């Protein structure tokens, strides 16, 4: 039985295609993983952002397992010293394949990201030969303004709570545009397509579920 594509998802996929970003719409994380698996071959290095979506779908666990021959650059091993964590983050910038989620995907084909350290958005923008963005359909919004509204007033406060940060937004669920040193809202990036010569370097896999924050 084929998956029915909602109108907003179809608009998003069509808009991404015009901007040289390949899009997919799948039922669940297992189906998303089947799209990714062929790229996880011997001699390939793969890295990922710290994505709740990748963890919820089981994709992160698969990357960290021995179920594929690729080498996973795992910066998320508990207890890593700061310098080793930073070294692995740098390796991720030159990995062959990079996986992440997005904080919002717009119907007119833009990918919006909020980052604290910058390594995630850096890898998405340049370095890895292949990038997969995995996101639940709940992250689809109308346009870029709606994307940043979502990020500022929902994603940031919820992430602060998840990370246990003592920030004003974690207390009341509202962005205060604070200057708190613990603030992680530091890098705001919108990807508005790829160059034609890099067509399909970035693939977006939208999942017919509510995932992530």
C-alpha atoms as a PDB file:
ATOM      1  CA  UNK A   1       0.000   0.000   0.000  1.00  0.00           C
ATOM      2  CA  UNK A   2       1.492   3.319  -1.089  1.00  0.00           C
ATOM      3  CA  UNK A   3       1.881   6.186   1.358  1.00  0.00           C
ATOM      4  CA  UNK A   4      -0.494   9.084   0.784  1.00  0.00           C
ATOM      5  CA  UNK A   5       1.437  12.354   0.596  1.00  0.00           C
ATOM      6  CA  UNK A   6      -0.246  15.314   2.316  1.00  0.00           C
ATOM      7  CA  UNK A   7      -0.491  18.520   0.300  1.00  0.00           C
ATOM      8  CA  UNK A   8       1.980  20.463   2.447  1.00  0.00           C
ATOM      9  CA  UNK A   9       4.515  17.647   2.186  1.00  0.00           C
ATOM     10  CA  UNK A  10       4.158  17.506  -1.592  1.00  0.00           C
ATOM     11  CA  UNK A  11       4.655  21.270  -1.859  1.00  0.00           C
ATOM     12  CA  UNK A  12       7.777  20.940   0.248  1.00  0.00           C
ATOM     13  CA  UNK A  13       9.191  18.112  -1.852  1.00  0.00           C
ATOM     14  CA  UNK A  14       8.486  19.995  -5.079  1.00  0.00           C
ATOM     15  CA  UNK A  15      10.146  23.152  -3.751  1.00  0.00           C
ATOM     16  CA  UNK A  16      13.225  21.255  -2.587  1.00  0.00           C
ATOM     17  CA  UNK A  17      13.594  19.602  -6.000  1.00  0.00           C
ATOM     18  CA  UNK A  18      13.655  22.982  -7.745  1.00  0.00           C
ATOM     19  CA  UNK A  19      16.552  23.928  -5.449  1.00  0.00           C
ATOM     20  CA  UNK A  20      18.559  20.770  -6.261  1.00  0.00           C
ATOM     21  CA  UNK A  21      17.741  19.036  -2.984  1.00  0.00           C
ATOM     22  CA  UNK A  22      16.336  15.533  -3.298  1.00  0.00           C
ATOM     23  CA  UNK A  23      13.348  14.846  -1.081  1.00  0.00           C
ATOM     24  CA  UNK A  24      11.658  11.681   0.188  1.00  0.00           C
ATOM     25  CA  UNK A  25       8.522  10.992   2.191  1.00  0.00           C
ATOM     26  CA  UNK A  26       8.527   7.721   4.108  1.00  0.00           C
ATOM     27  CA  UNK A  27       6.451   5.983   6.741  1.00  0.00           C
ATOM     28  CA  UNK A  28       8.983   5.553   9.538  1.00  0.00           C
ATOM     29  CA  UNK A  29      12.590   5.505  10.616  1.00  0.00           C
ATOM     30  CA  UNK A  30      13.180   2.033   9.228  1.00  0.00           C
ATOM     31  CA  UNK A  31      12.184   3.229   5.760  1.00  0.00           C
ATOM     32  CA  UNK A  32      14.420   6.283   6.139  1.00  0.00           C
ATOM     33  CA  UNK A  33      17.328   4.068   7.113  1.00  0.00           C
ATOM     34  CA  UNK A  34      16.893   1.997   3.943  1.00  0.00           C
ATOM     35  CA  UNK A  35      17.573   5.140   1.904  1.00  0.00           C
ATOM     36  CA  UNK A  36      20.728   5.841   3.905  1.00  0.00           C
ATOM     37  CA  UNK A  37      22.194   2.329   4.140  1.00  0.00           C
ATOM     38  CA  UNK A  38      23.624   2.128   0.589  1.00  0.00           C
ATOM     39  CA  UNK A  39      25.962   5.013   1.454  1.00  0.00           C
ATOM     40  CA  UNK A  40      27.400   3.268   4.511  1.00  0.00           C
ATOM     41  CA  UNK A  41      30.027   1.217   2.719  1.00  0.00           C
ATOM     42  CA  UNK A  42      33.549   0.012   3.539  1.00  0.00           C
ATOM     43  CA  UNK A  43      36.019   2.873   3.619  1.00  0.00           C
ATOM     44  CA  UNK A  44      33.327   5.481   4.194  1.00  0.00           C
ATOM     45  CA  UNK A  45      33.329   7.723   7.248  1.00  0.00           C
ATOM     46  CA  UNK A  46      29.974   8.873   8.622  1.00  0.00           C
ATOM     47  CA  UNK A  47      29.171  11.436  11.307  1.00  0.00           C
ATOM     48  CA  UNK A  48      26.033  12.978  12.737  1.00  0.00           C
ATOM     49  CA  UNK A  49      24.627  15.905  14.642  1.00  0.00           C
ATOM     50  CA  UNK A  50      23.155  15.506  18.110  1.00  0.00           C
ATOM     51  CA  UNK A  51      19.649  14.802  16.873  1.00  0.00           C
ATOM     52  CA  UNK A  52      16.722  13.602  18.941  1.00  0.00           C
ATOM     53  CA  UNK A  53      15.040  12.572  15.678  1.00  0.00           C
ATOM     54  CA  UNK A  54      17.939  10.286  14.721  1.00  0.00           C
ATOM     55  CA  UNK A  55      17.755   8.696  18.165  1.00  0.00           C
ATOM     56  CA  UNK A  56      13.964   8.267  18.124  1.00  0.00           C
ATOM     57  CA  UNK A  57      14.059   6.568  14.724  1.00  0.00           C
ATOM     58  CA  UNK A  58      16.864   4.161  15.668  1.00  0.00           C
ATOM     59  CA  UNK A  59      19.134   5.619  12.987  1.00  0.00           C
ATOM     60  CA  UNK A  60      21.716   6.843  15.498  1.00  0.00           C
ATOM     61  CA  UNK A  61      21.887   3.442  17.193  1.00  0.00           C
ATOM     62  CA  UNK A  62      22.411   1.829  13.795  1.00  0.00           C
ATOM     63  CA  UNK A  63      25.264   4.228  12.985  1.00  0.00           C
ATOM     64  CA  UNK A  64      26.906   3.426  16.313  1.00  0.00           C
ATOM     65  CA  UNK A  65      26.453  -0.339  15.845  1.00  0.00           C
ATOM     66  CA  UNK A  66      28.447  -2.894  13.893  1.00  0.00           C
ATOM     67  CA  UNK A  67      25.556  -3.393  11.477  1.00  0.00           C
ATOM     68  CA  UNK A  68      27.353  -1.608   8.639  1.00  0.00           C
ATOM     69  CA  UNK A  69      30.956  -1.454   7.363  1.00  0.00           C
ATOM     70  CA  UNK A  70      31.331   2.346   7.479  1.00  0.00           C
ATOM     71  CA  UNK A  71      33.382   4.069  10.180  1.00  0.00           C
ATOM     72  CA  UNK A  72      31.218   6.130  12.527  1.00  0.00           C
ATOM     73  CA  UNK A  73      32.842   9.238  13.968  1.00  0.00           C
ATOM     74  CA  UNK A  74      31.055   9.154  17.311  1.00  0.00           C
ATOM     75  CA  UNK A  75      31.515  12.366  19.280  1.00  0.00           C
ATOM     76  CA  UNK A  76      28.734  11.352  21.672  1.00  0.00           C
ATOM     77  CA  UNK A  77      30.517   8.627  23.658  1.00  0.00           C
ATOM     78  CA  UNK A  78      29.815   9.440  27.334  1.00  0.00           C
ATOM     79  CA  UNK A  79      32.726  10.851  29.287  1.00  0.00           C
ATOM     80  CA  UNK A  80      34.841  12.019  26.358  1.00  0.00           C
ATOM     81  CA  UNK A  81      37.334  14.706  27.357  1.00  0.00           C
ATOM     82  CA  UNK A  82      36.683  18.108  25.784  1.00  0.00           C
ATOM     83  CA  UNK A  83      39.712  17.949  23.474  1.00  0.00           C
ATOM     84  CA  UNK A  84      38.809  14.484  22.189  1.00  0.00           C
ATOM     85  CA  UNK A  85      35.222  15.578  21.614  1.00  0.00           C
ATOM     86  CA  UNK A  86      36.465  18.588  19.676  1.00  0.00           C
ATOM     87  CA  UNK A  87      38.820  16.409  17.614  1.00  0.00           C
ATOM     88  CA  UNK A  88      35.952  14.142  16.624  1.00  0.00           C
ATOM     89  CA  UNK A  89      33.768  17.116  15.751  1.00  0.00           C
ATOM     90  CA  UNK A  90      36.489  18.301  13.387  1.00  0.00           C
ATOM     91  CA  UNK A  91      36.673  14.836  11.820  1.00  0.00           C
ATOM     92  CA  UNK A  92      32.940  15.033  11.268  1.00  0.00           C
ATOM     93  CA  UNK A  93      33.442  18.102   9.084  1.00  0.00           C
ATOM     94  CA  UNK A  94      35.439  16.010   6.619  1.00  0.00           C
ATOM     95  CA  UNK A  95      33.374  12.810   6.825  1.00  0.00           C
ATOM     96  CA  UNK A  96      32.014  11.308   3.616  1.00  0.00           C
ATOM     97  CA  UNK A  97      28.438  11.173   4.899  1.00  0.00           C
ATOM     98  CA  UNK A  98      26.758  13.418   7.451  1.00  0.00           C
ATOM     99  CA  UNK A  99      23.361  12.962   9.078  1.00  0.00           C
ATOM    100  CA  UNK A 100      21.294  15.460  10.991  1.00  0.00           C
ATOM    101  CA  UNK A 101      17.806  16.776  11.431  1.00  0.00           C
ATOM    102  CA  UNK A 102      16.549  20.302  10.814  1.00  0.00           C
ATOM    103  CA  UNK A 103      14.726  22.582  13.214  1.00  0.00           C
ATOM    104  CA  UNK A 104      12.260  23.518  10.483  1.00  0.00           C
ATOM    105  CA  UNK A 105      11.613  22.754   6.811  1.00  0.00           C
ATOM    106  CA  UNK A 106       9.593  25.234   4.819  1.00  0.00           C
ATOM    107  CA  UNK A 107       7.038  24.543   2.127  1.00  0.00           C
ATOM    108  CA  UNK A 108       9.022  26.790  -0.202  1.00  0.00           C
ATOM    109  CA  UNK A 109      12.107  24.615   0.146  1.00  0.00           C
ATOM    110  CA  UNK A 110      14.272  26.107   2.886  1.00  0.00           C
ATOM    111  CA  UNK A 111      16.016  24.275   5.717  1.00  0.00           C
ATOM    112  CA  UNK A 112      16.426  26.210   8.971  1.00  0.00           C
ATOM    113  CA  UNK A 113      18.907  25.316  11.697  1.00  0.00           C
ATOM    114  CA  UNK A 114      19.729  26.611  15.154  1.00  0.00           C
ATOM    115  CA  UNK A 115      23.142  25.649  16.499  1.00  0.00           C
ATOM    116  CA  UNK A 116      25.274  26.317  19.524  1.00  0.00           C
ATOM    117  CA  UNK A 117      28.799  25.212  18.597  1.00  0.00           C
ATOM    118  CA  UNK A 118      28.466  25.483  14.841  1.00  0.00           C
ATOM    119  CA  UNK A 119      29.932  22.116  13.852  1.00  0.00           C
ATOM    120  CA  UNK A 120      26.563  20.713  12.755  1.00  0.00           C
ATOM    121  CA  UNK A 121      25.699  23.567  10.415  1.00  0.00           C
ATOM    122  CA  UNK A 122      29.298  23.730   9.181  1.00  0.00           C
ATOM    123  CA  UNK A 123      29.162  20.102   8.038  1.00  0.00           C
ATOM    124  CA  UNK A 124      25.773  20.576   6.403  1.00  0.00           C
ATOM    125  CA  UNK A 125      27.023  23.586   4.455  1.00  0.00           C
ATOM    126  CA  UNK A 126      30.381  22.260   3.287  1.00  0.00           C
ATOM    127  CA  UNK A 127      32.669  19.260   3.650  1.00  0.00           C
ATOM    128  CA  UNK A 128      30.869  15.911   3.557  1.00  0.00           C
ATOM    129  CA  UNK A 129      30.078  14.632   0.085  1.00  0.00           C
ATOM    130  CA  UNK A 130      26.615  13.477   1.147  1.00  0.00           C
ATOM    131  CA  UNK A 131      24.231  14.969   3.705  1.00  0.00           C
ATOM    132  CA  UNK A 132      20.960  13.459   4.902  1.00  0.00           C
ATOM    133  CA  UNK A 133      18.459  15.610   6.783  1.00  0.00           C
ATOM    134  CA  UNK A 134      15.888  13.449   8.574  1.00  0.00           C
ATOM    135  CA  UNK A 135      12.806  15.181   9.966  1.00  0.00           C
ATOM    136  CA  UNK A 136       9.296  14.397  11.088  1.00  0.00           C
ATOM    137  CA  UNK A 137       6.532  16.047   9.097  1.00  0.00           C
ATOM    138  CA  UNK A 138       5.710  18.124  12.191  1.00  0.00           C
ATOM    139  CA  UNK A 139       8.712  20.304  11.336  1.00  0.00           C
ATOM    140  CA  UNK A 140       7.177  21.508   8.074  1.00  0.00           C
ATOM    141  CA  UNK A 141       6.102  25.150   8.200  1.00  0.00           C
ATOM    142  CA  UNK A 142       4.789  27.610   5.643  1.00  0.00           C
ATOM    143  CA  UNK A 143       7.801  29.870   5.148  1.00  0.00           C
ATOM    144  CA  UNK A 144      11.038  31.128   6.694  1.00  0.00           C
ATOM    145  CA  UNK A 145       9.297  33.531   9.065  1.00  0.00           C
ATOM    146  CA  UNK A 146       7.190  30.677  10.408  1.00  0.00           C
ATOM    147  CA  UNK A 147      10.351  28.582  10.691  1.00  0.00           C
ATOM    148  CA  UNK A 148      12.123  31.087  12.921  1.00  0.00           C
ATOM    149  CA  UNK A 149       8.957  31.672  14.930  1.00  0.00           C
ATOM    150  CA  UNK A 150       8.832  27.932  15.561  1.00  0.00           C
ATOM    151  CA  UNK A 151      12.496  27.807  16.492  1.00  0.00           C
ATOM    152  CA  UNK A 152      12.407  30.828  18.793  1.00  0.00           C
ATOM    153  CA  UNK A 153       9.170  30.133  20.605  1.00  0.00           C
ATOM    154  CA  UNK A 154       9.074  26.332  20.656  1.00  0.00           C
ATOM    155  CA  UNK A 155      12.353  24.629  19.734  1.00  0.00           C
ATOM    156  CA  UNK A 156      14.634  26.768  21.888  1.00  0.00           C
ATOM    157  CA  UNK A 157      12.606  26.581  25.125  1.00  0.00           C
ATOM    158  CA  UNK A 158      11.984  22.849  24.733  1.00  0.00           C
ATOM    159  CA  UNK A 159      15.646  22.191  24.010  1.00  0.00           C
ATOM    160  CA  UNK A 160      16.679  24.206  27.056  1.00  0.00           C
ATOM    161  CA  UNK A 161      14.448  22.002  29.200  1.00  0.00           C
ATOM    162  CA  UNK A 162      15.800  18.828  27.581  1.00  0.00           C
ATOM    163  CA  UNK A 163      19.410  19.899  28.154  1.00  0.00           C
ATOM    164  CA  UNK A 164      18.720  21.021  31.702  1.00  0.00           C
ATOM    165  CA  UNK A 165      19.974  24.543  31.005  1.00  0.00           C
ATOM    166  CA  UNK A 166      19.104  27.192  33.580  1.00  0.00           C
ATOM    167  CA  UNK A 167      17.777  29.694  31.081  1.00  0.00           C
ATOM    168  CA  UNK A 168      14.769  32.037  31.213  1.00  0.00           C
ATOM    169  CA  UNK A 169      13.082  30.205  28.336  1.00  0.00           C
ATOM    170  CA  UNK A 170      13.271  26.931  30.241  1.00  0.00           C
ATOM    171  CA  UNK A 171      11.322  28.547  33.071  1.00  0.00           C
ATOM    172  CA  UNK A 172       8.393  29.999  31.136  1.00  0.00           C
ATOM    173  CA  UNK A 173       8.622  28.609  27.602  1.00  0.00           C
ATOM    174  CA  UNK A 174       9.247  32.040  26.066  1.00  0.00           C
ATOM    175  CA  UNK A 175      12.345  33.368  24.311  1.00  0.00           C
ATOM    176  CA  UNK A 176      13.880  36.337  26.145  1.00  0.00           C
ATOM    177  CA  UNK A 177      16.720  36.871  23.637  1.00  0.00           C
ATOM    178  CA  UNK A 178      18.956  36.667  26.686  1.00  0.00           C
ATOM    179  CA  UNK A 179      22.715  37.120  27.035  1.00  0.00           C
ATOM    180  CA  UNK A 180      23.020  34.227  29.465  1.00  0.00           C
ATOM    181  CA  UNK A 181      26.408  32.438  29.096  1.00  0.00           C
ATOM    182  CA  UNK A 182      24.548  29.095  29.014  1.00  0.00           C
ATOM    183  CA  UNK A 183      22.606  30.184  25.939  1.00  0.00           C
ATOM    184  CA  UNK A 184      22.940  27.735  23.036  1.00  0.00           C
ATOM    185  CA  UNK A 185      21.073  29.867  20.460  1.00  0.00           C
ATOM    186  CA  UNK A 186      24.165  31.218  18.725  1.00  0.00           C
ATOM    187  CA  UNK A 187      24.153  30.188  15.058  1.00  0.00           C
ATOM    188  CA  UNK A 188      21.106  30.776  12.857  1.00  0.00           C
ATOM    189  CA  UNK A 189      21.395  29.234   9.383  1.00  0.00           C
ATOM    190  CA  UNK A 190      18.982  28.948   6.463  1.00  0.00           C
ATOM    191  CA  UNK A 191      19.848  26.689   3.534  1.00  0.00           C
ATOM    192  CA  UNK A 192      18.059  27.952   0.445  1.00  0.00           C
ATOM    193  CA  UNK A 193      19.027  25.180  -1.956  1.00  0.00           C
ATOM    194  CA  UNK A 194      22.238  23.827  -3.476  1.00  0.00           C
ATOM    195  CA  UNK A 195      24.349  24.798  -6.462  1.00  0.00           C
ATOM    196  CA  UNK A 196      23.447  22.872  -9.606  1.00  0.00           C
ATOM    197  CA  UNK A 197      26.879  21.222  -9.674  1.00  0.00           C
ATOM    198  CA  UNK A 198      26.119  19.854  -6.176  1.00  0.00           C
ATOM    199  CA  UNK A 199      22.659  18.614  -7.089  1.00  0.00           C
ATOM    200  CA  UNK A 200      21.322  16.059  -4.580  1.00  0.00           C
ATOM    201  CA  UNK A 201      24.346  16.382  -2.286  1.00  0.00           C
ATOM    202  CA  UNK A 202      21.714  17.105   0.353  1.00  0.00           C
ATOM    203  CA  UNK A 203      18.759  14.744   0.639  1.00  0.00           C
ATOM    204  CA  UNK A 204      15.829  15.459   2.928  1.00  0.00           C
ATOM    205  CA  UNK A 205      13.907  12.489   4.308  1.00  0.00           C
ATOM    206  CA  UNK A 206      10.534  13.533   5.713  1.00  0.00           C
ATOM    207  CA  UNK A 207       8.861  10.967   7.936  1.00  0.00           C
ATOM    208  CA  UNK A 208       5.093  10.621   8.379  1.00  0.00           C
ATOM    209  CA  UNK A 209       5.380  10.999  12.145  1.00  0.00           C
ATOM    210  CA  UNK A 210       5.912  13.652  14.802  1.00  0.00           C
ATOM    211  CA  UNK A 211       9.581  13.444  15.759  1.00  0.00           C
ATOM    212  CA  UNK A 212      12.164  15.528  17.572  1.00  0.00           C
ATOM    213  CA  UNK A 213      11.525  18.966  18.938  1.00  0.00           C
END
